[in-house]
Amino acid sequence: MLLVTGVNGGLGTLVLEWLGAREGVLAGSRTPGAVEAEVPVRLVDFDRPETLAEAFTGVRALLLISAGAAEDDVVIARHGAAIGAAERAGVEHVVYTSLSGDGDHLPYALAHRWTERRLRESGTLRWTVLRNGLYAELLAAIAAPGPDGVITAPLGAGRLAAVARADLAEAAAKVALAPAGHAGRTYELVGERAVGGAEVAGVLGAEYRPGGLAQARTALAASDALHDFQVPMTVGTYSAIAHGFLAGPGGPGDLAALLGRPPRPALDVIAGG
């Protein structure tokens, strides 16, 4: 059986949508009663490790969707609990959704790299690491025009090899359904063509007038949309894009190979809302 975690929305939910009512697939959620799925749903709460032994019973492959949206120590505790429980339950293979290698400059990279190391050091688990690039949907959010139609996100002349979440979900599903052929592999799943603030403005009919990082930090800190720990994460993301660390290698790569087709262009995703 394959268990997909993190189906409270986001990537895990998109994976389930791609899989449909496939036999032998289970969904894992901390709120199973709220999940609308065509497959059985089990209680999986990484903050309550006691739930994991039963959740992982009979599971051969685990698609571990990274449990971010928290400080490093919390994320690492969650991932450590999941991997430890998988080892004890006799899970054979863990497919983990990590962060692209060029994201090492990002404030939230550490928990991903810790998790990759924990998997490599496991004495019983086979593993596959899917190093996901930043979402095109994230770029649309952090570079959204203001009410005046101006994008002030501090991206400078930088570019991001952004990826459609749906493409990453499809790639994860395909690997998790047949993980044996991907054992011990680390895939870099980034966009084939990086895009910048001016191009985002162009498809949205906006003006691009980038501000500075300090200006962005002040605005983010004053917003109710982010937790305190997410402010430096977002500013760090702006900085990494602006200074050329997330533009990717360009051209076809691991994502196209896993999908069997070219990935969706980031600007198409952004323009489509």
Protein backbone atom coordinates (compact mmCIF):
# COMPACT_ATOMS: atom_id res chain seq x y z
CA MET A 1 0.00 0.00 0.00
CA LEU A 2 1.01 3.59 -0.65
CA LEU A 3 0.28 6.22 1.99
CA VAL A 4 0.28 9.89 0.95
CA THR A 5 0.70 12.31 3.86
CA GLY A 6 -0.13 15.99 4.09
CA VAL A 7 -3.53 15.88 2.41
CA ASN A 8 -4.84 18.84 4.38
CA GLY A 9 -4.49 20.95 1.26
CA GLY A 10 -1.53 21.89 -0.87
CA LEU A 11 0.71 19.39 -2.63
CA GLY A 12 -0.62 16.25 -0.94
CA THR A 13 -4.16 17.05 -2.01
CA LEU A 14 -3.02 17.56 -5.61
CA VAL A 15 -1.26 14.18 -5.50
CA LEU A 16 -4.49 12.52 -4.41
CA GLU A 17 -6.42 14.27 -7.17
CA TRP A 18 -3.98 12.89 -9.72
CA LEU A 19 -4.14 9.37 -8.25
CA GLY A 20 -7.96 9.32 -8.13
CA ALA A 21 -9.57 6.17 -6.77
CA ARG A 22 -6.53 3.97 -7.41
CA GLU A 23 -6.54 0.73 -5.43
CA GLY A 24 -3.90 0.37 -2.74
CA VAL A 25 -3.62 4.10 -2.03
CA LEU A 26 -4.28 5.64 1.38
CA ALA A 27 -4.43 9.28 2.44
CA GLY A 28 -2.98 10.59 5.68
CA SER A 29 -4.24 13.70 7.44
CA ARG A 30 -4.31 15.22 10.92
CA THR A 31 -8.00 15.94 10.27
CA PRO A 32 -9.22 12.85 8.38
CA GLY A 33 -12.88 13.77 8.79
CA ALA A 34 -12.35 16.93 6.78
CA VAL A 35 -10.70 15.19 3.82
CA GLU A 36 -12.76 14.50 0.74
CA ALA A 37 -10.96 11.67 -1.01
CA GLU A 38 -11.74 8.69 -3.19
CA VAL A 39 -9.45 6.51 -1.07
CA PRO A 40 -9.40 5.54 2.64
CA VAL A 41 -8.10 8.25 4.97
CA ARG A 42 -6.03 7.53 8.08
CA LEU A 43 -5.18 9.78 11.00
CA VAL A 44 -1.58 10.96 10.54
CA ASP A 45 -0.46 13.70 12.91
CA PHE A 46 3.30 14.22 13.07
CA ASP A 47 2.83 16.36 16.19
CA ARG A 48 1.25 13.31 17.86
CA PRO A 49 3.72 10.52 17.10
CA GLU A 50 1.51 8.01 18.90
CA THR A 51 -0.84 8.14 15.91
CA LEU A 52 1.79 6.94 13.46
CA ALA A 53 2.18 3.25 14.37
CA GLU A 54 -1.41 2.48 13.42
CA ALA A 55 -1.33 4.86 10.46
CA PHE A 56 1.70 3.14 8.92
CA THR A 57 0.50 -0.43 9.47
CA GLY A 58 0.63 -2.37 6.21
CA VAL A 59 2.19 0.53 4.32
CA ARG A 60 4.97 -0.40 1.91
CA ALA A 61 5.62 3.02 0.35
CA LEU A 62 5.27 6.38 2.09
CA LEU A 63 5.04 9.66 0.20
CA LEU A 64 6.24 12.06 2.88
CA ILE A 65 5.07 15.56 1.98
CA SER A 66 7.32 17.96 3.85
CA ALA A 67 5.62 19.33 6.95
CA GLY A 68 6.79 22.92 6.79
CA ALA A 69 5.01 26.08 7.93
CA ALA A 70 6.87 26.00 11.25
CA GLU A 71 10.23 26.73 12.84
CA ASP A 72 13.10 24.36 12.03
CA ASP A 73 12.96 22.49 15.33
CA VAL A 74 9.26 21.74 14.86
CA VAL A 75 9.65 20.59 11.25
CA ILE A 76 12.64 18.41 12.12
CA ALA A 77 10.74 16.83 15.01
CA ARG A 78 7.82 16.07 12.69
CA HIS A 79 9.97 14.52 10.00
CA GLY A 80 12.04 12.59 12.53
CA ALA A 81 8.89 11.15 14.08
CA ALA A 82 7.56 10.12 10.67
CA ILE A 83 10.78 8.43 9.55
CA GLY A 84 11.26 6.67 12.87
CA ALA A 85 7.70 5.37 12.80
CA ALA A 86 8.15 4.22 9.20
CA GLU A 87 11.23 2.23 10.18
CA ARG A 88 9.44 0.57 13.09
CA ALA A 89 6.36 -0.23 10.99
CA GLY A 90 8.38 -1.97 8.29
CA VAL A 91 7.75 0.61 5.56
CA GLU A 92 10.03 -0.27 2.66
CA HIS A 93 10.42 3.01 0.78
CA VAL A 94 10.01 6.70 1.61
CA VAL A 95 9.62 9.30 -1.13
CA TYR A 96 10.28 12.73 0.33
CA THR A 97 9.41 16.12 -1.14
CA SER A 98 12.40 18.31 -0.38
CA LEU A 99 13.73 21.67 -1.61
CA SER A 100 15.79 22.21 -4.75
CA GLY A 101 19.56 22.16 -4.35
CA ASP A 102 19.91 25.78 -5.38
CA GLY A 103 17.68 26.63 -2.41
CA ASP A 104 20.46 26.07 0.12
CA HIS A 105 20.61 29.85 0.55
CA LEU A 106 17.00 29.95 1.72
CA PRO A 107 16.18 30.22 5.44
CA TYR A 108 13.99 27.11 5.33
CA ALA A 109 16.51 24.78 3.64
CA LEU A 110 18.00 23.36 6.83
CA ALA A 111 15.05 21.16 7.83
CA HIS A 112 14.95 19.68 4.33
CA ARG A 113 18.64 18.85 4.32
CA TRP A 114 18.35 17.33 7.79
CA THR A 115 15.54 15.10 6.57
CA GLU A 116 17.51 14.01 3.51
CA ARG A 117 20.44 13.09 5.76
CA ARG A 118 18.15 11.18 8.14
CA LEU A 119 16.83 9.12 5.23
CA ARG A 120 20.30 8.39 3.89
CA GLU A 121 21.40 7.20 7.32
CA SER A 122 18.44 4.86 7.78
CA GLY A 123 19.51 1.27 8.00
CA THR A 124 16.23 -0.16 6.73
CA LEU A 125 14.48 2.30 4.44
CA ARG A 126 14.93 2.76 0.73
CA TRP A 127 14.42 6.38 -0.21
CA THR A 128 13.93 8.84 -3.05
CA VAL A 129 14.29 12.60 -2.68
CA LEU A 130 12.27 14.95 -4.87
CA ARG A 131 13.95 18.34 -4.59
CA ASN A 132 11.09 20.63 -5.57
CA GLY A 133 11.69 24.09 -6.91
CA LEU A 134 9.64 27.01 -5.63
CA TYR A 135 6.08 27.08 -6.90
CA ALA A 136 4.90 29.36 -9.68
CA GLU A 137 1.91 29.94 -7.40
CA LEU A 138 4.27 31.20 -4.69
CA LEU A 139 5.90 33.62 -7.10
CA ALA A 140 2.45 34.91 -8.05
CA ALA A 141 1.72 35.50 -4.36
CA ILE A 142 4.96 37.21 -3.37
CA ALA A 143 5.05 39.31 -6.56
CA ALA A 144 1.39 40.27 -6.65
CA PRO A 145 0.52 43.79 -7.81
CA GLY A 146 -0.72 46.25 -5.22
CA PRO A 147 -4.04 48.07 -5.50
CA ASP A 148 -2.32 50.61 -7.77
CA GLY A 149 -1.32 47.89 -10.23
CA VAL A 150 2.37 48.13 -9.32
CA ILE A 151 4.56 45.17 -8.33
CA THR A 152 7.07 46.36 -5.72
CA ALA A 153 8.45 42.94 -4.75
CA PRO A 154 12.23 43.27 -4.29
CA LEU A 155 13.22 40.79 -6.98
CA GLY A 156 15.55 43.20 -8.76
CA ALA A 157 16.65 41.73 -12.08
CA GLY A 158 16.65 38.22 -10.63
CA ARG A 159 14.75 35.27 -12.02
CA LEU A 160 13.14 32.16 -10.55
CA ALA A 161 12.91 28.71 -12.15
CA ALA A 162 9.39 28.38 -10.76
CA VAL A 163 7.34 25.19 -11.11
CA ALA A 164 3.61 24.48 -11.27
CA ARG A 165 2.46 22.67 -8.13
CA ALA A 166 0.35 20.34 -10.26
CA ASP A 167 3.46 19.19 -12.13
CA LEU A 168 5.31 18.46 -8.90
CA ALA A 169 2.29 16.55 -7.61
CA GLU A 170 2.14 14.45 -10.78
CA ALA A 171 5.85 13.68 -10.61
CA ALA A 172 5.57 12.70 -6.93
CA ALA A 173 2.62 10.43 -7.63
CA LYS A 174 4.39 8.66 -10.49
CA VAL A 175 7.52 8.05 -8.42
CA ALA A 176 5.58 6.89 -5.36
CA LEU A 177 3.54 4.39 -7.40
CA ALA A 178 6.70 2.63 -8.60
CA PRO A 179 9.43 3.68 -6.18
CA ALA A 180 11.77 0.73 -6.67
CA GLY A 181 13.08 2.17 -9.93
CA HIS A 182 13.93 5.42 -8.17
CA ALA A 183 15.66 4.06 -5.06
CA GLY A 184 18.61 6.12 -3.90
CA ARG A 185 17.90 8.86 -6.42
CA THR A 186 17.72 12.61 -5.80
CA TYR A 187 15.83 14.55 -8.46
CA GLU A 188 16.11 18.30 -9.04
CA LEU A 189 12.64 19.44 -10.09
CA VAL A 190 12.87 23.06 -11.22
CA GLY A 191 11.37 25.03 -14.09
CA GLU A 192 12.93 24.94 -17.53
CA ARG A 193 12.72 28.70 -18.05
CA ALA A 194 13.25 31.15 -15.21
CA VAL A 195 11.06 34.24 -15.01
CA GLY A 196 11.49 37.61 -13.32
CA GLY A 197 9.37 40.40 -11.94
CA ALA A 198 9.09 42.26 -15.22
CA GLU A 199 7.72 39.17 -16.96
CA VAL A 200 5.24 38.57 -14.17
CA ALA A 201 4.09 42.17 -14.52
CA GLY A 202 3.76 41.71 -18.27
CA VAL A 203 1.34 38.77 -18.06
CA LEU A 204 -0.68 40.48 -15.32
CA GLY A 205 -0.91 43.84 -17.04
CA ALA A 206 0.94 45.46 -14.14
CA GLU A 207 3.98 47.70 -13.73
CA TYR A 208 7.19 46.39 -12.17
CA ARG A 209 8.87 48.87 -9.84
CA PRO A 210 10.92 46.78 -7.38
CA GLY A 211 11.60 48.08 -3.90
CA GLY A 212 14.28 47.10 -1.41
CA LEU A 213 14.49 44.24 1.07
CA ALA A 214 14.15 46.50 4.11
CA GLN A 215 10.97 48.01 2.70
CA ALA A 216 9.57 44.53 2.08
CA ARG A 217 10.50 43.33 5.57
CA THR A 218 8.69 46.27 7.16
CA ALA A 219 5.57 45.69 5.09
CA LEU A 220 5.55 41.94 5.77
CA ALA A 221 6.05 42.43 9.50
CA ALA A 222 3.08 44.81 9.59
CA SER A 223 0.86 42.35 7.73
CA ASP A 224 -1.46 39.89 9.46
CA ALA A 225 -0.95 37.39 6.65
CA LEU A 226 2.31 35.91 7.97
CA HIS A 227 3.53 34.35 11.20
CA ASP A 228 6.59 36.02 12.74
CA PHE A 229 8.95 33.26 11.57
CA GLN A 230 7.69 33.56 7.99
CA VAL A 231 8.85 37.18 7.61
CA PRO A 232 12.60 36.36 7.38
CA MET A 233 11.74 33.32 5.25
CA THR A 234 9.96 35.49 2.71
CA VAL A 235 12.64 38.20 2.73
CA GLY A 236 15.28 35.50 2.27
CA THR A 237 13.34 34.15 -0.70
CA TYR A 238 13.23 37.61 -2.28
CA SER A 239 16.98 38.00 -1.74
CA ALA A 240 17.88 34.60 -3.21
CA ILE A 241 15.83 35.33 -6.33
CA ALA A 242 17.11 38.89 -6.69
CA HIS A 243 20.74 37.84 -6.42
CA GLY A 244 20.56 35.04 -8.95
CA PHE A 245 20.59 31.87 -6.87
CA LEU A 246 17.28 30.36 -8.00
CA ALA A 247 17.35 30.75 -11.78
CA GLY A 248 18.01 27.05 -12.38
CA PRO A 249 20.17 25.49 -15.08
CA GLY A 250 17.58 26.03 -17.82
CA GLY A 251 16.37 23.51 -20.39
CA PRO A 252 14.85 20.05 -19.92
CA GLY A 253 15.79 18.27 -16.71
CA ASP A 254 14.56 15.73 -14.18
CA LEU A 255 11.02 17.09 -14.05
CA ALA A 256 10.40 16.64 -17.78
CA ALA A 257 11.88 13.15 -17.58
CA LEU A 258 9.55 12.11 -14.75
CA LEU A 259 6.50 13.70 -16.35
CA GLY A 260 7.24 12.41 -19.84
CA ARG A 261 6.43 15.87 -21.23
CA PRO A 262 7.56 19.47 -20.85
CA PRO A 263 6.49 21.12 -17.57
CA ARG A 264 3.88 23.86 -17.64
CA PRO A 265 5.47 27.30 -18.17
CA ALA A 266 5.45 29.30 -14.95
CA LEU A 267 3.99 32.37 -16.66
CA ASP A 268 1.01 30.33 -17.87
CA VAL A 269 0.30 29.31 -14.29
CA ILE A 270 0.63 32.89 -13.05
CA ALA A 271 -1.52 34.33 -15.82
CA GLY A 272 -4.20 31.73 -15.17
CA GLY A 273 -4.48 32.72 -11.55
